[in-house]
Amino acid sequence: MAELKENTRRVIEVTAKDLPLHCPMPDMVAWNSHPRVFLPVHKTGEALCPYCGTQYKLIGPAGHHH
């Protein structure tokens, strides 16, 4: 079973396997805490969710995605 992530964490590190990135992520405890929003973390290496303020940081290369 995958480890659930708390939505209360303010910074979450993600990798290329999490792309395309959206918040909330499916493995979050409160996965339905707000509408799903896709975040362009691959552009700058960081993205901020406009709903909950969670900051995402891309660790490693973005790889190829659509």
PDB file of N, CA and C in Angstrom:
ATOM      1  N   MET A   1       0.850  -1.189   0.000  1.00  0.00           N
ATOM      2  CA  MET A   1       0.000   0.000   0.000  1.00  0.00           C
ATOM      3  C   MET A   1       0.883   1.237   0.000  1.00  0.00           C
ATOM      4  N   ALA A   2       0.539   2.212  -0.825  1.00  0.00           N
ATOM      5  CA  ALA A   2       1.320   3.438  -0.922  1.00  0.00           C
ATOM      6  C   ALA A   2       1.136   4.286   0.325  1.00  0.00           C
ATOM      7  N   GLU A   3       2.165   5.019   0.645  1.00  0.00           N
ATOM      8  CA  GLU A   3       2.107   5.920   1.795  1.00  0.00           C
ATOM      9  C   GLU A   3       1.266   7.134   1.430  1.00  0.00           C
ATOM     10  N   LEU A   4       0.318   7.484   2.282  1.00  0.00           N
ATOM     11  CA  LEU A   4      -0.509   8.660   2.045  1.00  0.00           C
ATOM     12  C   LEU A   4       0.227   9.908   2.484  1.00  0.00           C
ATOM     13  N   LYS A   5       0.080  10.964   1.705  1.00  0.00           N
ATOM     14  CA  LYS A   5       0.722  12.232   2.023  1.00  0.00           C
ATOM     15  C   LYS A   5      -0.303  13.162   2.653  1.00  0.00           C
ATOM     16  N   GLU A   6       0.116  13.901   3.635  1.00  0.00           N
ATOM     17  CA  GLU A   6      -0.762  14.876   4.282  1.00  0.00           C
ATOM     18  C   GLU A   6      -0.839  16.140   3.441  1.00  0.00           C
ATOM     19  N   ASN A   7      -2.035  16.673   3.237  1.00  0.00           N
ATOM     20  CA  ASN A   7      -2.193  17.923   2.512  1.00  0.00           C
ATOM     21  C   ASN A   7      -1.677  19.111   3.321  1.00  0.00           C
ATOM     22  N   THR A   8      -1.375  18.898   4.586  1.00  0.00           N
ATOM     23  CA  THR A   8      -0.927  19.999   5.428  1.00  0.00           C
ATOM     24  C   THR A   8       0.557  20.292   5.233  1.00  0.00           C
ATOM     25  N   ARG A   9       1.273  19.406   4.540  1.00  0.00           N
ATOM     26  CA  ARG A   9       2.678  19.689   4.253  1.00  0.00           C
ATOM     27  C   ARG A   9       2.727  20.857   3.301  1.00  0.00           C
ATOM     28  N   ARG A  10       3.595  21.784   3.549  1.00  0.00           N
ATOM     29  CA  ARG A  10       3.648  22.982   2.722  1.00  0.00           C
ATOM     30  C   ARG A  10       4.562  22.834   1.525  1.00  0.00           C
ATOM     31  N   VAL A  11       5.527  21.903   1.556  1.00  0.00           N
ATOM     32  CA  VAL A  11       6.416  21.676   0.422  1.00  0.00           C
ATOM     33  C   VAL A  11       6.450  20.177   0.148  1.00  0.00           C
ATOM     34  N   ILE A  12       6.169  19.804  -1.078  1.00  0.00           N
ATOM     35  CA  ILE A  12       6.191  18.399  -1.480  1.00  0.00           C
ATOM     36  C   ILE A  12       7.141  18.251  -2.655  1.00  0.00           C
ATOM     37  N   GLU A  13       8.096  17.325  -2.528  1.00  0.00           N
ATOM     38  CA  GLU A  13       9.024  17.047  -3.610  1.00  0.00           C
ATOM     39  C   GLU A  13       8.394  16.014  -4.532  1.00  0.00           C
ATOM     40  N   VAL A  14       8.477  16.283  -5.843  1.00  0.00           N
ATOM     41  CA  VAL A  14       7.920  15.383  -6.843  1.00  0.00           C
ATOM     42  C   VAL A  14       8.997  15.042  -7.868  1.00  0.00           C
ATOM     43  N   THR A  15       8.772  13.968  -8.598  1.00  0.00           N
ATOM     44  CA  THR A  15       9.703  13.544  -9.642  1.00  0.00           C
ATOM     45  C   THR A  15       8.958  13.431 -10.967  1.00  0.00           C
ATOM     46  N   ALA A  16       9.680  13.073 -12.010  1.00  0.00           N
ATOM     47  CA  ALA A  16       9.085  12.957 -13.344  1.00  0.00           C
ATOM     48  C   ALA A  16       7.916  11.974 -13.364  1.00  0.00           C
ATOM     49  N   LYS A  17       7.921  10.966 -12.483  1.00  0.00           N
ATOM     50  CA  LYS A  17       6.816   9.997 -12.474  1.00  0.00           C
ATOM     51  C   LYS A  17       5.505  10.634 -12.001  1.00  0.00           C
ATOM     52  N   ASP A  18       5.571  11.803 -11.361  1.00  0.00           N
ATOM     53  CA  ASP A  18       4.368  12.499 -10.889  1.00  0.00           C
ATOM     54  C   ASP A  18       3.788  13.435 -11.949  1.00  0.00           C
ATOM     55  N   LEU A  19       4.450  13.564 -13.093  1.00  0.00           N
ATOM     56  CA  LEU A  19       3.990  14.469 -14.142  1.00  0.00           C
ATOM     57  C   LEU A  19       2.975  13.776 -15.037  1.00  0.00           C
ATOM     58  N   PRO A  20       1.980  14.442 -15.583  1.00  0.00           N
ATOM     59  CA  PRO A  20       1.670  15.830 -15.281  1.00  0.00           C
ATOM     60  C   PRO A  20       1.178  15.976 -13.836  1.00  0.00           C
ATOM     61  N   LEU A  21       1.653  17.003 -13.180  1.00  0.00           N
ATOM     62  CA  LEU A  21       1.380  17.213 -11.762  1.00  0.00           C
ATOM     63  C   LEU A  21       0.044  17.905 -11.555  1.00  0.00           C
ATOM     64  N   HIS A  22      -0.705  17.400 -10.602  1.00  0.00           N
ATOM     65  CA  HIS A  22      -1.938  18.083 -10.216  1.00  0.00           C
ATOM     66  C   HIS A  22      -2.070  18.032  -8.702  1.00  0.00           C
ATOM     67  N   CYS A  23      -2.769  19.007  -8.177  1.00  0.00           N
ATOM     68  CA  CYS A  23      -3.037  19.092  -6.750  1.00  0.00           C
ATOM     69  C   CYS A  23      -4.546  19.110  -6.585  1.00  0.00           C
ATOM     70  N   PRO A  24      -5.078  18.371  -5.641  1.00  0.00           N
ATOM     71  CA  PRO A  24      -4.382  17.430  -4.769  1.00  0.00           C
ATOM     72  C   PRO A  24      -3.969  16.178  -5.528  1.00  0.00           C
ATOM     73  N   MET A  25      -2.905  15.541  -5.063  1.00  0.00           N
ATOM     74  CA  MET A  25      -2.415  14.315  -5.673  1.00  0.00           C
ATOM     75  C   MET A  25      -3.287  13.150  -5.212  1.00  0.00           C
ATOM     76  N   PRO A  26      -3.392  12.089  -6.008  1.00  0.00           N
ATOM     77  CA  PRO A  26      -4.283  10.979  -5.657  1.00  0.00           C
ATOM     78  C   PRO A  26      -3.919  10.270  -4.355  1.00  0.00           C
ATOM     79  N   ASP A  27      -2.662  10.337  -3.945  1.00  0.00           N
ATOM     80  CA  ASP A  27      -2.253   9.644  -2.721  1.00  0.00           C
ATOM     81  C   ASP A  27      -2.311  10.530  -1.484  1.00  0.00           C
ATOM     82  N   MET A  28      -2.954  11.675  -1.590  1.00  0.00           N
ATOM     83  CA  MET A  28      -3.093  12.561  -0.432  1.00  0.00           C
ATOM     84  C   MET A  28      -4.284  12.121   0.412  1.00  0.00           C
ATOM     85  N   VAL A  29      -4.176  12.319   1.712  1.00  0.00           N
ATOM     86  CA  VAL A  29      -5.237  11.924   2.633  1.00  0.00           C
ATOM     87  C   VAL A  29      -6.557  12.588   2.240  1.00  0.00           C
ATOM     88  N   ALA A  30      -6.533  13.870   2.034  1.00  0.00           N
ATOM     89  CA  ALA A  30      -7.738  14.613   1.653  1.00  0.00           C
ATOM     90  C   ALA A  30      -7.680  14.915   0.152  1.00  0.00           C
ATOM     91  N   TRP A  31      -7.709  13.864  -0.662  1.00  0.00           N
ATOM     92  CA  TRP A  31      -7.554  14.006  -2.106  1.00  0.00           C
ATOM     93  C   TRP A  31      -8.675  14.826  -2.730  1.00  0.00           C
ATOM     94  N   ASN A  32      -9.773  15.008  -2.020  1.00  0.00           N
ATOM     95  CA  ASN A  32     -10.890  15.790  -2.546  1.00  0.00           C
ATOM     96  C   ASN A  32     -11.048  17.108  -1.793  1.00  0.00           C
ATOM     97  N   SER A  33      -9.962  17.649  -1.270  1.00  0.00           N
ATOM     98  CA  SER A  33     -10.033  18.865  -0.453  1.00  0.00           C
ATOM     99  C   SER A  33     -10.316  20.118  -1.278  1.00  0.00           C
ATOM    100  N   HIS A  34     -10.019  20.096  -2.566  1.00  0.00           N
ATOM    101  CA  HIS A  34     -10.352  21.208  -3.450  1.00  0.00           C
ATOM    102  C   HIS A  34     -10.358  20.689  -4.886  1.00  0.00           C
ATOM    103  N   PRO A  35     -10.853  21.474  -5.837  1.00  0.00           N
ATOM    104  CA  PRO A  35     -10.868  21.008  -7.227  1.00  0.00           C
ATOM    105  C   PRO A  35      -9.458  20.691  -7.713  1.00  0.00           C
ATOM    106  N   ARG A  36      -9.352  19.707  -8.597  1.00  0.00           N
ATOM    107  CA  ARG A  36      -8.045  19.348  -9.156  1.00  0.00           C
ATOM    108  C   ARG A  36      -7.547  20.467 -10.060  1.00  0.00           C
ATOM    109  N   VAL A  37      -6.311  20.850  -9.866  1.00  0.00           N
ATOM    110  CA  VAL A  37      -5.682  21.864 -10.701  1.00  0.00           C
ATOM    111  C   VAL A  37      -4.327  21.320 -11.144  1.00  0.00           C
ATOM    112  N   PHE A  38      -4.047  21.431 -12.441  1.00  0.00           N
ATOM    113  CA  PHE A  38      -2.772  20.973 -12.966  1.00  0.00           C
ATOM    114  C   PHE A  38      -1.749  22.094 -12.808  1.00  0.00           C
ATOM    115  N   LEU A  39      -0.542  21.714 -12.392  1.00  0.00           N
ATOM    116  CA  LEU A  39       0.500  22.684 -12.084  1.00  0.00           C
ATOM    117  C   LEU A  39       1.708  22.482 -12.998  1.00  0.00           C
ATOM    118  N   PRO A  40       2.208  23.555 -13.629  1.00  0.00           N
ATOM    119  CA  PRO A  40       3.317  23.449 -14.576  1.00  0.00           C
ATOM    120  C   PRO A  40       4.692  23.407 -13.897  1.00  0.00           C
ATOM    121  N   VAL A  41       4.888  22.475 -13.002  1.00  0.00           N
ATOM    122  CA  VAL A  41       6.139  22.379 -12.242  1.00  0.00           C
ATOM    123  C   VAL A  41       7.333  22.114 -13.157  1.00  0.00           C
ATOM    124  N   HIS A  42       7.086  21.513 -14.322  1.00  0.00           N
ATOM    125  CA  HIS A  42       8.169  21.188 -15.247  1.00  0.00           C
ATOM    126  C   HIS A  42       8.800  22.425 -15.885  1.00  0.00           C
ATOM    127  N   LYS A  43       8.126  23.565 -15.849  1.00  0.00           N
ATOM    128  CA  LYS A  43       8.641  24.776 -16.489  1.00  0.00           C
ATOM    129  C   LYS A  43       9.751  25.447 -15.686  1.00  0.00           C
ATOM    130  N   THR A  44       9.560  25.563 -14.382  1.00  0.00           N
ATOM    131  CA  THR A  44      10.540  26.282 -13.560  1.00  0.00           C
ATOM    132  C   THR A  44      11.135  25.422 -12.458  1.00  0.00           C
ATOM    133  N   GLY A  45      10.587  24.216 -12.267  1.00  0.00           N
ATOM    134  CA  GLY A  45      11.071  23.352 -11.197  1.00  0.00           C
ATOM    135  C   GLY A  45      10.294  23.529  -9.908  1.00  0.00           C
ATOM    136  N   GLU A  46       9.390  24.510  -9.870  1.00  0.00           N
ATOM    137  CA  GLU A  46       8.562  24.750  -8.694  1.00  0.00           C
ATOM    138  C   GLU A  46       7.177  25.197  -9.141  1.00  0.00           C
ATOM    139  N   ALA A  47       6.183  24.905  -8.325  1.00  0.00           N
ATOM    140  CA  ALA A  47       4.822  25.356  -8.606  1.00  0.00           C
ATOM    141  C   ALA A  47       4.080  25.496  -7.278  1.00  0.00           C
ATOM    142  N   LEU A  48       3.156  26.435  -7.234  1.00  0.00           N
ATOM    143  CA  LEU A  48       2.372  26.711  -6.037  1.00  0.00           C
ATOM    144  C   LEU A  48       0.900  26.490  -6.353  1.00  0.00           C
ATOM    145  N   CYS A  49       0.235  25.679  -5.529  1.00  0.00           N
ATOM    146  CA  CYS A  49      -1.185  25.440  -5.731  1.00  0.00           C
ATOM    147  C   CYS A  49      -1.973  26.697  -5.353  1.00  0.00           C
ATOM    148  N   PRO A  50      -2.805  27.208  -6.264  1.00  0.00           N
ATOM    149  CA  PRO A  50      -3.577  28.417  -5.952  1.00  0.00           C
ATOM    150  C   PRO A  50      -4.691  28.188  -4.937  1.00  0.00           C
ATOM    151  N   TYR A  51      -5.088  26.938  -4.714  1.00  0.00           N
ATOM    152  CA  TYR A  51      -6.159  26.642  -3.766  1.00  0.00           C
ATOM    153  C   TYR A  51      -5.653  26.485  -2.337  1.00  0.00           C
ATOM    154  N   CYS A  52      -4.644  25.627  -2.147  1.00  0.00           N
ATOM    155  CA  CYS A  52      -4.233  25.310  -0.778  1.00  0.00           C
ATOM    156  C   CYS A  52      -2.859  25.851  -0.398  1.00  0.00           C
ATOM    157  N   GLY A  53      -2.136  26.411  -1.369  1.00  0.00           N
ATOM    158  CA  GLY A  53      -0.845  27.009  -1.067  1.00  0.00           C
ATOM    159  C   GLY A  53       0.302  26.019  -0.958  1.00  0.00           C
ATOM    160  N   THR A  54       0.055  24.742  -1.258  1.00  0.00           N
ATOM    161  CA  THR A  54       1.129  23.761  -1.208  1.00  0.00           C
ATOM    162  C   THR A  54       2.133  24.054  -2.300  1.00  0.00           C
ATOM    163  N   GLN A  55       3.408  24.041  -1.938  1.00  0.00           N
ATOM    164  CA  GLN A  55       4.467  24.265  -2.906  1.00  0.00           C
ATOM    165  C   GLN A  55       5.030  22.913  -3.327  1.00  0.00           C
ATOM    166  N   TYR A  56       5.195  22.749  -4.629  1.00  0.00           N
ATOM    167  CA  TYR A  56       5.763  21.525  -5.180  1.00  0.00           C
ATOM    168  C   TYR A  56       7.126  21.848  -5.769  1.00  0.00           C
ATOM    169  N   LYS A  57       8.106  20.975  -5.510  1.00  0.00           N
ATOM    170  CA  LYS A  57       9.442  21.132  -6.068  1.00  0.00           C
ATOM    171  C   LYS A  57       9.790  19.887  -6.855  1.00  0.00           C
ATOM    172  N   LEU A  58      10.210  20.090  -8.101  1.00  0.00           N
ATOM    173  CA  LEU A  58      10.599  18.993  -8.973  1.00  0.00           C
ATOM    174  C   LEU A  58      12.030  18.590  -8.644  1.00  0.00           C
ATOM    175  N   ILE A  59      12.222  17.322  -8.325  1.00  0.00           N
ATOM    176  CA  ILE A  59      13.532  16.782  -8.015  1.00  0.00           C
ATOM    177  C   ILE A  59      13.979  15.946  -9.205  1.00  0.00           C
ATOM    178  N   GLY A  60      15.103  16.272  -9.798  1.00  0.00           N
ATOM    179  CA  GLY A  60      15.598  15.533 -10.954  1.00  0.00           C
ATOM    180  C   GLY A  60      15.027  16.099 -12.244  1.00  0.00           C
ATOM    181  N   PRO A  61      15.354  15.469 -13.368  1.00  0.00           N
ATOM    182  CA  PRO A  61      14.889  15.964 -14.656  1.00  0.00           C
ATOM    183  C   PRO A  61      13.397  15.719 -14.853  1.00  0.00           C
ATOM    184  N   ALA A  62      12.776  16.565 -15.651  1.00  0.00           N
ATOM    185  CA  ALA A  62      11.349  16.425 -15.917  1.00  0.00           C
ATOM    186  C   ALA A  62      11.064  15.283 -16.874  1.00  0.00           C
ATOM    187  N   GLY A  63      12.032  14.923 -17.703  1.00  0.00           N
ATOM    188  CA  GLY A  63      11.806  13.846 -18.663  1.00  0.00           C
ATOM    189  C   GLY A  63      10.853  14.303 -19.746  1.00  0.00           C
ATOM    190  N   HIS A  64      10.281  13.355 -20.446  1.00  0.00           N
ATOM    191  CA  HIS A  64       9.333  13.681 -21.526  1.00  0.00           C
ATOM    192  C   HIS A  64       7.922  13.483 -21.035  1.00  0.00           C
ATOM    193  N   HIS A  65       7.081  14.463 -21.265  1.00  0.00           N
ATOM    194  CA  HIS A  65       5.675  14.374 -20.896  1.00  0.00           C
ATOM    195  C   HIS A  65       4.861  15.225 -21.841  1.00  0.00           C
ATOM    196  N   HIS A  66       3.569  15.095 -21.794  1.00  0.00           N
ATOM    197  CA  HIS A  66       2.683  15.850 -22.678  1.00  0.00           C
ATOM    198  C   HIS A  66       1.839  16.780 -21.889  1.00  0.00           C
TER     199      HIS A  66
END
